[in-house]
Amino acid sequence: MTTEFATILPPNATALERAVERATARDDKILVPIETLVEPATIAIELLPWLAWGFSVDAWDADWSEAAKRAAVAASIDLHRRKGTRASVESILSRFDDLLTLVEWHETTPRGTPHTFEIRLPIAAGAAGTGGRRATAAFADAIIREVRRVKPVREHFRLVQMIEAAAAIGIQGVGRMVGSARLPAAAAFDTSPDWAAYLQTEDGEPLQDSAGSFWDTRP
């Protein structure tokens, strides 16, 4: 058998082995830009989702801008190194809004329940008006979903929508509507689930069904 390359197979090699050898003989002639395939800033945009999968990017949205997608991939390794820490939660919050703050149980007055924390989401302040993206249920749900991915396993948290106003307002929170109310100064609306009412794993995480709903123990 005539070949265009020097075979390294023994004379008794099978037909399958020789076929595989012929099929792979020119692999080294295929140009593979390795230097760009593993670099989030330079990889072709159509290949970026595969790099994201390889870097174990936890969250991915096809509607993100190209810059946001590349930034998420570039930050993935560092985020996994810090996963389960306060820094990892604050990193996620910074992607959503610069005004989001994290307050741990020992930072409140009076002190809260150990191993809990609050994420405070300001909705309006002074003459800035109310509503907007921060007041939507979708925005709050996205924050809750992403924080759950990186928070310490043993800790629970609440998302608190905070309002500073002195007039009648209407706010759409997570799964509820706050009707018109007159606020003397500042108010905070806790829009997070009542974790104690749900079935939980041994780690204290609430169980969800296939539709993503929590298993409620209340009648």
Protein backbone atom coordinates (compact mmCIF):
# COMPACT_ATOMS: atom_id res chain seq x y z
CA MET A 1 0.00 0.00 0.00
CA THR A 2 1.39 3.37 -1.05
CA THR A 3 1.08 6.21 1.45
CA GLU A 4 2.13 9.85 1.38
CA PHE A 5 3.66 9.58 4.83
CA ALA A 6 5.90 7.25 6.75
CA THR A 7 3.67 4.85 8.62
CA ILE A 8 4.57 3.90 12.18
CA LEU A 9 2.19 0.95 12.31
CA PRO A 10 3.48 -2.64 12.34
CA PRO A 11 2.90 -4.94 9.33
CA ASN A 12 0.05 -6.73 11.13
CA ALA A 13 -1.95 -3.51 11.75
CA THR A 14 -5.68 -3.81 11.09
CA ALA A 15 -7.52 -2.00 8.32
CA LEU A 16 -9.21 0.22 10.94
CA GLU A 17 -5.89 1.22 12.48
CA ARG A 18 -4.48 2.11 9.05
CA ALA A 19 -7.62 4.11 8.23
CA VAL A 20 -7.32 6.08 11.45
CA GLU A 21 -3.66 6.72 10.71
CA ARG A 22 -4.47 8.05 7.24
CA ALA A 23 -7.31 10.22 8.57
CA THR A 24 -5.11 11.85 11.20
CA ALA A 25 -1.90 12.05 9.20
CA ARG A 26 -2.47 15.67 8.19
CA ASP A 27 -3.76 16.99 11.51
CA ASP A 28 -0.59 19.00 11.93
CA LYS A 29 -1.33 20.81 8.67
CA ILE A 30 -4.59 22.28 10.04
CA LEU A 31 -4.01 25.77 11.33
CA VAL A 32 -5.38 26.11 14.87
CA PRO A 33 -4.98 29.56 16.43
CA ILE A 34 -4.38 28.28 19.95
CA GLU A 35 -3.29 31.70 21.16
CA THR A 36 -6.78 33.10 20.49
CA LEU A 37 -8.93 30.06 21.32
CA VAL A 38 -8.23 30.36 25.04
CA GLU A 39 -8.22 34.15 25.26
CA PRO A 40 -11.65 35.71 26.06
CA ALA A 41 -10.65 39.05 24.53
CA THR A 42 -9.58 37.70 21.13
CA ILE A 43 -11.50 34.47 20.51
CA ALA A 44 -14.01 34.60 17.66
CA ILE A 45 -17.40 35.64 19.00
CA GLU A 46 -19.11 32.53 17.58
CA LEU A 47 -16.73 30.35 19.62
CA LEU A 48 -17.03 32.37 22.83
CA PRO A 49 -19.93 30.26 24.27
CA TRP A 50 -17.72 27.17 24.04
CA LEU A 51 -14.93 28.92 25.93
CA ALA A 52 -17.50 30.01 28.50
CA TRP A 53 -18.49 26.36 28.94
CA GLY A 54 -14.84 25.38 29.29
CA PHE A 55 -14.30 28.06 31.93
CA SER A 56 -17.45 26.95 33.82
CA VAL A 57 -19.21 30.29 33.50
CA ASP A 58 -22.25 29.91 35.78
CA ALA A 59 -24.55 32.43 34.10
CA TRP A 60 -24.92 33.15 30.40
CA ASP A 61 -27.45 35.25 28.53
CA ALA A 62 -27.56 35.35 24.74
CA ASP A 63 -28.93 38.90 24.98
CA TRP A 64 -25.80 40.22 26.69
CA SER A 65 -23.59 42.54 24.69
CA GLU A 66 -20.38 41.11 23.26
CA ALA A 67 -18.37 43.10 25.80
CA ALA A 68 -20.44 41.69 28.70
CA LYS A 69 -19.99 38.12 27.44
CA ARG A 70 -16.24 38.49 27.11
CA ALA A 71 -16.04 40.08 30.56
CA ALA A 72 -18.03 37.20 32.12
CA VAL A 73 -15.66 34.62 30.62
CA ALA A 74 -12.56 36.58 31.62
CA ALA A 75 -13.76 36.88 35.22
CA SER A 76 -14.89 33.26 35.60
CA ILE A 77 -11.67 31.71 36.92
CA ASP A 78 -11.16 34.46 39.50
CA LEU A 79 -14.81 34.21 40.52
CA HIS A 80 -14.53 30.46 41.10
CA ARG A 81 -11.46 31.04 43.26
CA ARG A 82 -13.50 33.36 45.49
CA LYS A 83 -16.81 31.53 45.27
CA GLY A 84 -18.53 31.20 48.62
CA THR A 85 -17.08 34.44 49.97
CA ARG A 86 -18.43 37.95 50.50
CA ALA A 87 -16.17 39.17 47.70
CA SER A 88 -17.82 36.83 45.20
CA VAL A 89 -21.29 38.12 46.12
CA GLU A 90 -20.17 41.74 45.87
CA SER A 91 -18.64 41.00 42.47
CA ILE A 92 -22.00 39.74 41.22
CA LEU A 93 -23.84 42.74 42.68
CA SER A 94 -21.50 45.17 40.92
CA ARG A 95 -22.60 43.72 37.58
CA PHE A 96 -26.20 44.63 38.28
CA ASP A 97 -26.04 48.07 39.90
CA ASP A 98 -23.44 50.19 41.67
CA LEU A 99 -25.97 51.11 44.39
CA LEU A 100 -26.55 47.53 45.55
CA THR A 101 -25.07 46.88 48.99
CA LEU A 102 -24.47 43.75 51.06
CA VAL A 103 -25.07 43.91 54.82
CA GLU A 104 -24.16 40.90 56.95
CA TRP A 105 -26.03 39.91 60.11
CA HIS A 106 -23.35 41.28 62.44
CA GLU A 107 -23.44 44.67 60.70
CA THR A 108 -27.09 45.39 61.50
CA THR A 109 -28.53 47.08 64.60
CA PRO A 110 -29.71 45.04 66.38
CA ARG A 111 -27.70 42.13 65.14
CA GLY A 112 -29.51 39.75 62.85
CA THR A 113 -29.64 35.97 62.73
CA PRO A 114 -26.16 34.43 62.37
CA HIS A 115 -25.21 33.24 58.89
CA THR A 116 -27.65 35.57 57.13
CA PHE A 117 -27.21 38.73 55.13
CA GLU A 118 -29.26 41.33 53.30
CA ILE A 119 -28.90 42.72 49.83
CA ARG A 120 -30.26 46.24 49.83
CA LEU A 121 -31.66 47.53 46.58
CA PRO A 122 -32.45 51.26 46.50
CA ILE A 123 -35.38 51.99 44.22
CA ALA A 124 -35.70 55.76 44.49
CA ALA A 125 -34.17 58.65 46.37
CA GLY A 126 -35.36 62.22 46.67
CA ALA A 127 -36.36 63.71 43.36
CA ALA A 128 -34.99 60.80 41.36
CA GLY A 129 -38.47 59.34 41.01
CA THR A 130 -39.73 55.82 41.54
CA GLY A 131 -39.96 52.72 39.43
CA GLY A 132 -37.58 52.00 36.58
CA ARG A 133 -35.56 48.83 36.14
CA ARG A 134 -34.75 48.51 39.85
CA ALA A 135 -38.46 48.27 40.72
CA THR A 136 -39.20 45.35 38.40
CA ALA A 137 -39.70 41.78 39.57
CA ALA A 138 -37.45 40.53 36.75
CA PHE A 139 -34.51 42.61 37.99
CA ALA A 140 -34.96 41.41 41.58
CA ASP A 141 -35.36 37.79 40.48
CA ALA A 142 -32.13 37.99 38.47
CA ILE A 143 -30.23 39.30 41.49
CA ILE A 144 -31.57 36.53 43.73
CA ARG A 145 -30.75 33.86 41.15
CA GLU A 146 -27.17 34.99 40.59
CA VAL A 147 -26.36 35.56 44.28
CA ARG A 148 -27.56 32.04 45.10
CA ARG A 149 -24.92 30.70 42.72
CA VAL A 150 -21.96 32.22 44.56
CA LYS A 151 -23.01 32.82 48.18
CA PRO A 152 -21.64 30.70 51.06
CA VAL A 153 -23.65 27.47 51.18
CA ARG A 154 -24.68 27.79 54.84
CA GLU A 155 -25.92 31.37 54.54
CA HIS A 156 -29.39 32.66 53.65
CA PHE A 157 -30.13 36.12 52.42
CA ARG A 158 -32.94 38.60 51.87
CA LEU A 159 -33.36 41.05 49.03
CA VAL A 160 -34.70 44.27 50.50
CA GLN A 161 -36.03 46.98 48.21
CA MET A 162 -35.46 50.32 49.91
CA ILE A 163 -37.36 53.51 49.21
CA GLU A 164 -36.75 57.03 50.40
CA ALA A 165 -39.70 59.23 49.60
CA ALA A 166 -42.37 61.37 51.22
CA ALA A 167 -45.34 60.96 48.91
CA ALA A 168 -47.70 58.37 47.54
CA ILE A 169 -45.85 55.74 45.54
CA GLY A 170 -46.51 52.53 43.70
CA ILE A 171 -43.79 49.89 43.56
CA GLN A 172 -43.76 46.55 41.76
CA GLY A 173 -41.70 44.15 43.84
CA VAL A 174 -40.82 40.51 43.50
CA GLY A 175 -44.08 38.75 42.94
CA ARG A 176 -46.17 41.44 44.67
CA MET A 177 -47.53 44.91 44.14
CA VAL A 178 -47.15 47.59 46.77
CA GLY A 179 -50.12 49.89 46.58
CA SER A 180 -50.19 53.60 47.17
CA ALA A 181 -48.85 54.54 50.59
CA ARG A 182 -47.68 57.69 52.33
CA LEU A 183 -44.16 57.28 53.67
CA PRO A 184 -42.94 59.66 56.36
CA ALA A 185 -39.26 59.06 55.66
CA ALA A 186 -37.73 55.79 54.56
CA ALA A 187 -39.22 52.35 54.06
CA ALA A 188 -37.83 48.94 53.20
CA PHE A 189 -39.82 46.19 51.53
CA ASP A 190 -38.50 42.69 52.05
CA THR A 191 -39.26 40.93 48.77
CA SER A 192 -37.38 37.71 49.41
CA PRO A 193 -39.08 34.36 50.08
CA ASP A 194 -39.86 33.20 53.62
CA TRP A 195 -37.20 30.47 53.68
CA ALA A 196 -38.54 28.88 56.86
CA ALA A 197 -41.76 28.00 55.03
CA TYR A 198 -40.01 25.84 52.44
CA LEU A 199 -38.60 22.33 52.46
CA GLN A 200 -34.82 22.49 52.65
CA THR A 201 -31.82 20.30 51.98
CA GLU A 202 -29.34 19.27 54.67
CA ASP A 203 -27.34 22.36 53.74
CA GLY A 204 -30.33 24.59 54.42
CA GLU A 205 -31.07 25.38 50.79
CA PRO A 206 -34.76 25.49 49.75
CA LEU A 207 -35.87 22.66 47.46
CA GLN A 208 -37.36 23.48 44.07
CA ASP A 209 -39.55 21.46 41.73
CA SER A 210 -38.89 20.99 38.01
CA ALA A 211 -40.66 24.27 37.25
CA GLY A 212 -38.35 26.19 39.59
CA SER A 213 -40.96 26.76 42.31
CA PHE A 214 -40.09 26.27 45.97
CA TRP A 215 -41.73 23.45 47.94
CA ASP A 216 -43.98 25.33 50.33
CA THR A 217 -44.84 23.55 53.61
CA ARG A 218 -47.67 25.93 54.51
CA PRO A 219 -51.24 24.60 54.10
